[in-house]
Amino acid sequence: MRRTNSEHIGDLLRRFLREQGIETPLMEHRAVTMWPKVAGPAIARLTGDVSFRNGTLYVKILRPALRQDLMMGRTELCRKLNAAVGSNVVEQILFY
């Protein structure tokens, strides 16, 4: 018997995550874990703790001179992070 109303497993998983309220926390976690890849290995070595809260990615800077360079490029970093995550969860990045 052939079913005509089949759905892709990816669509089913996304709908399940959304219904359970897990989709946004999952995307936030992805943003934190994708930081080293998006920022690159050189910058990732010079940053410390990365956390996410209320649409903002918080990144600890280990070298104060790096903060200015990252501040100038944070809009591009937000765009790249959102592209890597697959959702617009990162509204801004704060370096501390």
C-alpha atoms as a PDB file:
ATOM      1  CA  MET A   1       0.000   0.000   0.000  1.00  0.00           C
ATOM      2  CA  ARG A   2       1.452   3.388  -0.986  1.00  0.00           C
ATOM      3  CA  ARG A   3       0.869   6.478   1.133  1.00  0.00           C
ATOM      4  CA  THR A   4       0.417   9.776  -0.612  1.00  0.00           C
ATOM      5  CA  ASN A   5       0.655  12.044   2.411  1.00  0.00           C
ATOM      6  CA  SER A   6       4.232  11.278   3.395  1.00  0.00           C
ATOM      7  CA  GLU A   7       6.430  13.909   5.072  1.00  0.00           C
ATOM      8  CA  HIS A   8      10.174  14.320   5.285  1.00  0.00           C
ATOM      9  CA  ILE A   9      11.716  13.313   8.602  1.00  0.00           C
ATOM     10  CA  GLY A  10      13.443  16.716   8.900  1.00  0.00           C
ATOM     11  CA  ASP A  11      10.095  18.500   8.693  1.00  0.00           C
ATOM     12  CA  LEU A  12       8.632  16.196  11.323  1.00  0.00           C
ATOM     13  CA  LEU A  13      11.563  16.776  13.670  1.00  0.00           C
ATOM     14  CA  ARG A  14      11.404  20.565  13.282  1.00  0.00           C
ATOM     15  CA  ARG A  15       7.680  20.555  13.994  1.00  0.00           C
ATOM     16  CA  PHE A  16       8.163  18.311  17.043  1.00  0.00           C
ATOM     17  CA  LEU A  17      10.937  20.541  18.432  1.00  0.00           C
ATOM     18  CA  ARG A  18       8.808  23.645  17.899  1.00  0.00           C
ATOM     19  CA  GLU A  19       5.756  22.069  19.553  1.00  0.00           C
ATOM     20  CA  GLN A  20       7.821  20.946  22.554  1.00  0.00           C
ATOM     21  CA  GLY A  21       9.457  24.371  22.949  1.00  0.00           C
ATOM     22  CA  ILE A  22      12.928  22.965  22.340  1.00  0.00           C
ATOM     23  CA  GLU A  23      13.711  24.586  18.994  1.00  0.00           C
ATOM     24  CA  THR A  24      14.911  27.970  20.306  1.00  0.00           C
ATOM     25  CA  PRO A  25      17.151  26.577  23.086  1.00  0.00           C
ATOM     26  CA  LEU A  26      18.637  24.164  20.560  1.00  0.00           C
ATOM     27  CA  MET A  27      19.430  27.010  18.146  1.00  0.00           C
ATOM     28  CA  GLU A  28      20.951  29.031  20.995  1.00  0.00           C
ATOM     29  CA  HIS A  29      23.179  26.091  21.921  1.00  0.00           C
ATOM     30  CA  ARG A  30      24.227  25.742  18.286  1.00  0.00           C
ATOM     31  CA  ALA A  31      25.221  29.420  18.204  1.00  0.00           C
ATOM     32  CA  VAL A  32      27.504  28.912  21.219  1.00  0.00           C
ATOM     33  CA  THR A  33      29.101  25.769  19.806  1.00  0.00           C
ATOM     34  CA  MET A  34      29.533  27.302  16.328  1.00  0.00           C
ATOM     35  CA  TRP A  35      31.475  30.330  17.651  1.00  0.00           C
ATOM     36  CA  PRO A  36      34.962  28.776  17.196  1.00  0.00           C
ATOM     37  CA  LYS A  37      34.168  27.679  13.650  1.00  0.00           C
ATOM     38  CA  VAL A  38      32.647  31.012  12.595  1.00  0.00           C
ATOM     39  CA  ALA A  39      35.244  33.186  14.347  1.00  0.00           C
ATOM     40  CA  GLY A  40      38.127  31.064  13.128  1.00  0.00           C
ATOM     41  CA  PRO A  41      40.861  29.250  15.052  1.00  0.00           C
ATOM     42  CA  ALA A  42      43.039  32.315  15.683  1.00  0.00           C
ATOM     43  CA  ILE A  43      40.222  34.334  17.252  1.00  0.00           C
ATOM     44  CA  ALA A  44      38.777  31.303  19.052  1.00  0.00           C
ATOM     45  CA  ARG A  45      42.130  30.839  20.845  1.00  0.00           C
ATOM     46  CA  LEU A  46      41.966  34.432  22.097  1.00  0.00           C
ATOM     47  CA  THR A  47      38.410  34.185  23.412  1.00  0.00           C
ATOM     48  CA  GLY A  48      37.207  32.411  26.512  1.00  0.00           C
ATOM     49  CA  ASP A  49      33.732  31.584  27.754  1.00  0.00           C
ATOM     50  CA  VAL A  50      30.871  31.908  25.277  1.00  0.00           C
ATOM     51  CA  SER A  51      27.269  32.019  26.479  1.00  0.00           C
ATOM     52  CA  PHE A  52      23.874  32.986  25.111  1.00  0.00           C
ATOM     53  CA  ARG A  53      21.019  34.841  26.768  1.00  0.00           C
ATOM     54  CA  ASN A  54      18.014  36.765  25.410  1.00  0.00           C
ATOM     55  CA  GLY A  55      19.214  36.986  21.818  1.00  0.00           C
ATOM     56  CA  THR A  56      22.724  38.065  22.786  1.00  0.00           C
ATOM     57  CA  LEU A  57      25.899  36.026  22.436  1.00  0.00           C
ATOM     58  CA  TYR A  58      28.382  36.913  25.206  1.00  0.00           C
ATOM     59  CA  VAL A  59      32.033  36.265  24.397  1.00  0.00           C
ATOM     60  CA  LYS A  60      34.853  36.688  26.918  1.00  0.00           C
ATOM     61  CA  ILE A  61      37.924  38.341  25.397  1.00  0.00           C
ATOM     62  CA  LEU A  62      41.315  37.182  26.682  1.00  0.00           C
ATOM     63  CA  ARG A  63      43.292  39.934  24.901  1.00  0.00           C
ATOM     64  CA  PRO A  64      41.936  43.499  25.297  1.00  0.00           C
ATOM     65  CA  ALA A  65      43.421  44.607  21.958  1.00  0.00           C
ATOM     66  CA  LEU A  66      41.222  42.073  20.164  1.00  0.00           C
ATOM     67  CA  ARG A  67      38.005  43.642  21.481  1.00  0.00           C
ATOM     68  CA  GLN A  68      38.184  46.666  19.171  1.00  0.00           C
ATOM     69  CA  ASP A  69      38.740  44.537  16.071  1.00  0.00           C
ATOM     70  CA  LEU A  70      35.835  42.252  16.962  1.00  0.00           C
ATOM     71  CA  MET A  71      33.540  45.176  17.769  1.00  0.00           C
ATOM     72  CA  MET A  72      34.048  46.542  14.265  1.00  0.00           C
ATOM     73  CA  GLY A  73      33.162  43.194  12.673  1.00  0.00           C
ATOM     74  CA  ARG A  74      30.400  42.009  14.989  1.00  0.00           C
ATOM     75  CA  THR A  75      27.583  42.646  12.502  1.00  0.00           C
ATOM     76  CA  GLU A  76      29.275  40.323  10.025  1.00  0.00           C
ATOM     77  CA  LEU A  77      29.922  37.772  12.796  1.00  0.00           C
ATOM     78  CA  CYS A  78      26.205  37.855  13.717  1.00  0.00           C
ATOM     79  CA  ARG A  79      25.264  37.249  10.101  1.00  0.00           C
ATOM     80  CA  LYS A  80      27.718  34.356   9.774  1.00  0.00           C
ATOM     81  CA  LEU A  81      26.587  32.775  13.053  1.00  0.00           C
ATOM     82  CA  ASN A  82      22.930  32.967  12.063  1.00  0.00           C
ATOM     83  CA  ALA A  83      23.764  31.421   8.693  1.00  0.00           C
ATOM     84  CA  ALA A  84      25.715  28.603  10.374  1.00  0.00           C
ATOM     85  CA  VAL A  85      22.901  27.936  12.854  1.00  0.00           C
ATOM     86  CA  GLY A  86      20.185  28.143  10.224  1.00  0.00           C
ATOM     87  CA  SER A  87      18.039  30.601  12.150  1.00  0.00           C
ATOM     88  CA  ASN A  88      18.166  34.262  13.185  1.00  0.00           C
ATOM     89  CA  VAL A  89      18.723  33.687  16.901  1.00  0.00           C
ATOM     90  CA  VAL A  90      21.777  35.920  17.411  1.00  0.00           C
ATOM     91  CA  GLU A  91      20.601  39.537  17.551  1.00  0.00           C
ATOM     92  CA  GLN A  92      23.874  40.941  18.864  1.00  0.00           C
ATOM     93  CA  ILE A  93      27.271  39.950  20.210  1.00  0.00           C
ATOM     94  CA  LEU A  94      28.760  41.507  23.336  1.00  0.00           C
ATOM     95  CA  PHE A  95      32.442  41.157  24.143  1.00  0.00           C
ATOM     96  CA  TYR A  96      33.498  41.388  27.781  1.00  0.00           C
END
